[in-house]
Structure formats: structure tokens, C-alpha cells
Amino acid sequence: MFKNKNMNISDLISSGANVAITITPLDLKEFATSLIERAQSVKTKDEPERYLSPDETAKKLGVTTNTLWRWNKSKYLCPVKVGHRCFYKLSDINKKLEG
């Protein structure tokens, strides 16, 4: 039996102990948040960044290209310029879609 009441769920899992536990909703939320943060911090290096044209970006976001222009001026969503053409990072677009 564990006497340490300050042990968190991650420590308990790491210990490999075969125990039944009772947790509070706050403990469960803390554990879920730590898992989400860990998953988001892992970025696959094999997958290169994808870029979309303004038309593709506008369609994906459900806005017009005029809105993309205004967002660029207000620094809300800025394109990457390649020569005279603009492209939007798919990762930036997905962040905007997630909120």
C-alpha cells in the first residue's frame, strides 16, 4: 500500500504497481492535461510543413481571400511569401480552426 498521498497518477503508473485507486475529477483532469501536452509537444520530424494557396486556405477556413488579406494586415494569419506568391502554413491554419 502506498503511504505517499502526494504521488500523482503518472508516478503510480510508472511504478508498475497493481493497485486500485480512487481519484478526484481534478486529478483526472490534471492527468489528461499532462497527456495532451506531451502528445502536442511530440512533433514528427519526418513530416514536412505543408503550404496552401490563398484560395485553398480561404476555402478551408470558410472565408474569402479579402478576409485573408485583412487578417494579414492585422497579423492574425500571415502568409509566407515565395517570390511574388503567398502561401499559408497548414499548421497555422489548423491552429485557427482549433480556436
C-alpha atoms as a PDB file:
ATOM      1  CA  MET A   1       0.000   0.000   0.000  1.00  0.00           C
ATOM      2  CA  PHE A   2       1.238   3.475  -0.857  1.00  0.00           C
ATOM      3  CA  LYS A   3       1.545   5.896   2.032  1.00  0.00           C
ATOM      4  CA  ASN A   4       2.559   8.870  -0.101  1.00  0.00           C
ATOM      5  CA  LYS A   5      -0.585  10.917  -0.725  1.00  0.00           C
ATOM      6  CA  ASN A   6       1.351  13.342  -2.951  1.00  0.00           C
ATOM      7  CA  MET A   7       2.069  10.705  -5.600  1.00  0.00           C
ATOM      8  CA  ASN A   8       0.393  11.644  -8.851  1.00  0.00           C
ATOM      9  CA  ILE A   9      -1.172   9.280 -11.384  1.00  0.00           C
ATOM     10  CA  SER A  10       1.849   9.366 -13.695  1.00  0.00           C
ATOM     11  CA  ASP A  11       4.130   8.267 -10.829  1.00  0.00           C
ATOM     12  CA  LEU A  12       1.742   5.476  -9.904  1.00  0.00           C
ATOM     13  CA  ILE A  13       1.626   4.211 -13.484  1.00  0.00           C
ATOM     14  CA  SER A  14       5.414   4.407 -13.737  1.00  0.00           C
ATOM     15  CA  SER A  15       5.807   2.354 -10.566  1.00  0.00           C
ATOM     16  CA  GLY A  16       4.028  -0.593 -12.186  1.00  0.00           C
ATOM     17  CA  ALA A  17       2.065  -1.275  -9.013  1.00  0.00           C
ATOM     18  CA  ASN A  18      -1.082  -3.369  -9.257  1.00  0.00           C
ATOM     19  CA  VAL A  19      -3.458  -1.282  -7.168  1.00  0.00           C
ATOM     20  CA  ALA A  20      -6.961   0.100  -7.255  1.00  0.00           C
ATOM     21  CA  ILE A  21      -7.143   3.845  -6.949  1.00  0.00           C
ATOM     22  CA  THR A  22      -9.763   6.434  -6.255  1.00  0.00           C
ATOM     23  CA  ILE A  23      -9.181   9.768  -7.911  1.00  0.00           C
ATOM     24  CA  THR A  24     -10.854  13.121  -7.844  1.00  0.00           C
ATOM     25  CA  PRO A  25     -12.072  14.817 -11.011  1.00  0.00           C
ATOM     26  CA  LEU A  26      -9.285  17.365 -10.549  1.00  0.00           C
ATOM     27  CA  ASP A  27      -6.677  14.577 -10.522  1.00  0.00           C
ATOM     28  CA  LEU A  28      -8.172  13.111 -13.680  1.00  0.00           C
ATOM     29  CA  LYS A  29      -8.158  16.499 -15.388  1.00  0.00           C
ATOM     30  CA  GLU A  30      -4.520  17.060 -14.398  1.00  0.00           C
ATOM     31  CA  PHE A  31      -3.542  13.672 -15.812  1.00  0.00           C
ATOM     32  CA  ALA A  32      -5.453  14.237 -19.053  1.00  0.00           C
ATOM     33  CA  THR A  33      -3.887  17.677 -19.461  1.00  0.00           C
ATOM     34  CA  SER A  34      -0.401  16.259 -18.981  1.00  0.00           C
ATOM     35  CA  LEU A  35      -1.075  13.582 -21.630  1.00  0.00           C
ATOM     36  CA  ILE A  36      -2.393  16.159 -24.088  1.00  0.00           C
ATOM     37  CA  GLU A  37       0.596  18.458 -23.526  1.00  0.00           C
ATOM     38  CA  ARG A  38       3.010  15.566 -24.012  1.00  0.00           C
ATOM     39  CA  ALA A  39       1.256  14.485 -27.223  1.00  0.00           C
ATOM     40  CA  GLN A  40       1.265  18.033 -28.597  1.00  0.00           C
ATOM     41  CA  SER A  41       4.945  18.502 -27.840  1.00  0.00           C
ATOM     42  CA  VAL A  42       5.860  15.474 -29.935  1.00  0.00           C
ATOM     43  CA  LYS A  43       6.200  16.699 -33.495  1.00  0.00           C
ATOM     44  CA  THR A  44       7.140  14.253 -36.166  1.00  0.00           C
ATOM     45  CA  LYS A  45      10.283  15.440 -37.886  1.00  0.00           C
ATOM     46  CA  ASP A  46       9.672  13.191 -40.878  1.00  0.00           C
ATOM     47  CA  GLU A  47       6.603  15.164 -41.926  1.00  0.00           C
ATOM     48  CA  PRO A  48       7.471  18.420 -43.718  1.00  0.00           C
ATOM     49  CA  GLU A  49       5.332  21.528 -43.368  1.00  0.00           C
ATOM     50  CA  ARG A  50       2.561  21.787 -45.958  1.00  0.00           C
ATOM     51  CA  TYR A  51       1.567  25.080 -47.538  1.00  0.00           C
ATOM     52  CA  LEU A  52      -1.754  26.092 -49.080  1.00  0.00           C
ATOM     53  CA  SER A  53      -2.532  28.764 -51.647  1.00  0.00           C
ATOM     54  CA  PRO A  54      -4.764  31.679 -50.627  1.00  0.00           C
ATOM     55  CA  ASP A  55      -7.720  30.116 -52.475  1.00  0.00           C
ATOM     56  CA  GLU A  56      -7.215  26.749 -50.730  1.00  0.00           C
ATOM     57  CA  THR A  57      -6.788  28.493 -47.382  1.00  0.00           C
ATOM     58  CA  ALA A  58      -9.920  30.599 -47.811  1.00  0.00           C
ATOM     59  CA  LYS A  59     -11.946  27.517 -48.730  1.00  0.00           C
ATOM     60  CA  LYS A  60     -10.607  25.520 -45.763  1.00  0.00           C
ATOM     61  CA  LEU A  61     -11.388  28.358 -43.332  1.00  0.00           C
ATOM     62  CA  GLY A  62     -14.719  29.243 -44.939  1.00  0.00           C
ATOM     63  CA  VAL A  63     -13.756  32.850 -45.619  1.00  0.00           C
ATOM     64  CA  THR A  64     -12.930  34.973 -48.671  1.00  0.00           C
ATOM     65  CA  THR A  65      -9.468  35.909 -49.884  1.00  0.00           C
ATOM     66  CA  ASN A  66     -10.338  39.500 -48.888  1.00  0.00           C
ATOM     67  CA  THR A  67     -10.674  38.279 -45.301  1.00  0.00           C
ATOM     68  CA  LEU A  68      -7.243  36.634 -45.570  1.00  0.00           C
ATOM     69  CA  TRP A  69      -5.841  39.967 -46.748  1.00  0.00           C
ATOM     70  CA  ARG A  70      -7.378  41.771 -43.730  1.00  0.00           C
ATOM     71  CA  TRP A  71      -6.083  39.051 -41.368  1.00  0.00           C
ATOM     72  CA  ASN A  72      -2.593  39.534 -42.798  1.00  0.00           C
ATOM     73  CA  LYS A  73      -2.795  43.293 -42.217  1.00  0.00           C
ATOM     74  CA  SER A  74      -3.922  42.741 -38.601  1.00  0.00           C
ATOM     75  CA  LYS A  75      -1.273  39.992 -38.098  1.00  0.00           C
ATOM     76  CA  TYR A  76      -3.994  37.419 -37.280  1.00  0.00           C
ATOM     77  CA  LEU A  77      -2.907  34.965 -40.004  1.00  0.00           C
ATOM     78  CA  CYS A  78       0.144  35.822 -42.061  1.00  0.00           C
ATOM     79  CA  PRO A  79       1.256  34.096 -45.254  1.00  0.00           C
ATOM     80  CA  VAL A  80       4.772  33.086 -46.219  1.00  0.00           C
ATOM     81  CA  LYS A  81       5.998  34.758 -49.391  1.00  0.00           C
ATOM     82  CA  VAL A  82       7.824  32.736 -52.011  1.00  0.00           C
ATOM     83  CA  GLY A  83       8.839  35.054 -54.822  1.00  0.00           C
ATOM     84  CA  HIS A  84       5.712  37.030 -55.642  1.00  0.00           C
ATOM     85  CA  ARG A  85       3.345  34.327 -54.383  1.00  0.00           C
ATOM     86  CA  CYS A  86       1.866  33.853 -50.913  1.00  0.00           C
ATOM     87  CA  PHE A  87       1.250  30.568 -49.160  1.00  0.00           C
ATOM     88  CA  TYR A  88      -0.220  29.736 -45.754  1.00  0.00           C
ATOM     89  CA  LYS A  89       1.225  27.129 -43.396  1.00  0.00           C
ATOM     90  CA  LEU A  90      -1.211  24.298 -42.830  1.00  0.00           C
ATOM     91  CA  SER A  91      -0.153  24.158 -39.168  1.00  0.00           C
ATOM     92  CA  ASP A  92      -1.157  27.850 -38.744  1.00  0.00           C
ATOM     93  CA  ILE A  93      -4.484  27.185 -40.461  1.00  0.00           C
ATOM     94  CA  ASN A  94      -5.198  24.208 -38.192  1.00  0.00           C
ATOM     95  CA  LYS A  95      -4.416  26.303 -35.107  1.00  0.00           C
ATOM     96  CA  LYS A  96      -7.001  28.861 -36.205  1.00  0.00           C
ATOM     97  CA  LEU A  97      -9.546  26.090 -36.809  1.00  0.00           C
ATOM     98  CA  GLU A  98      -8.930  24.674 -33.309  1.00  0.00           C
ATOM     99  CA  GLY A  99      -9.532  28.089 -31.777  1.00  0.00           C
END
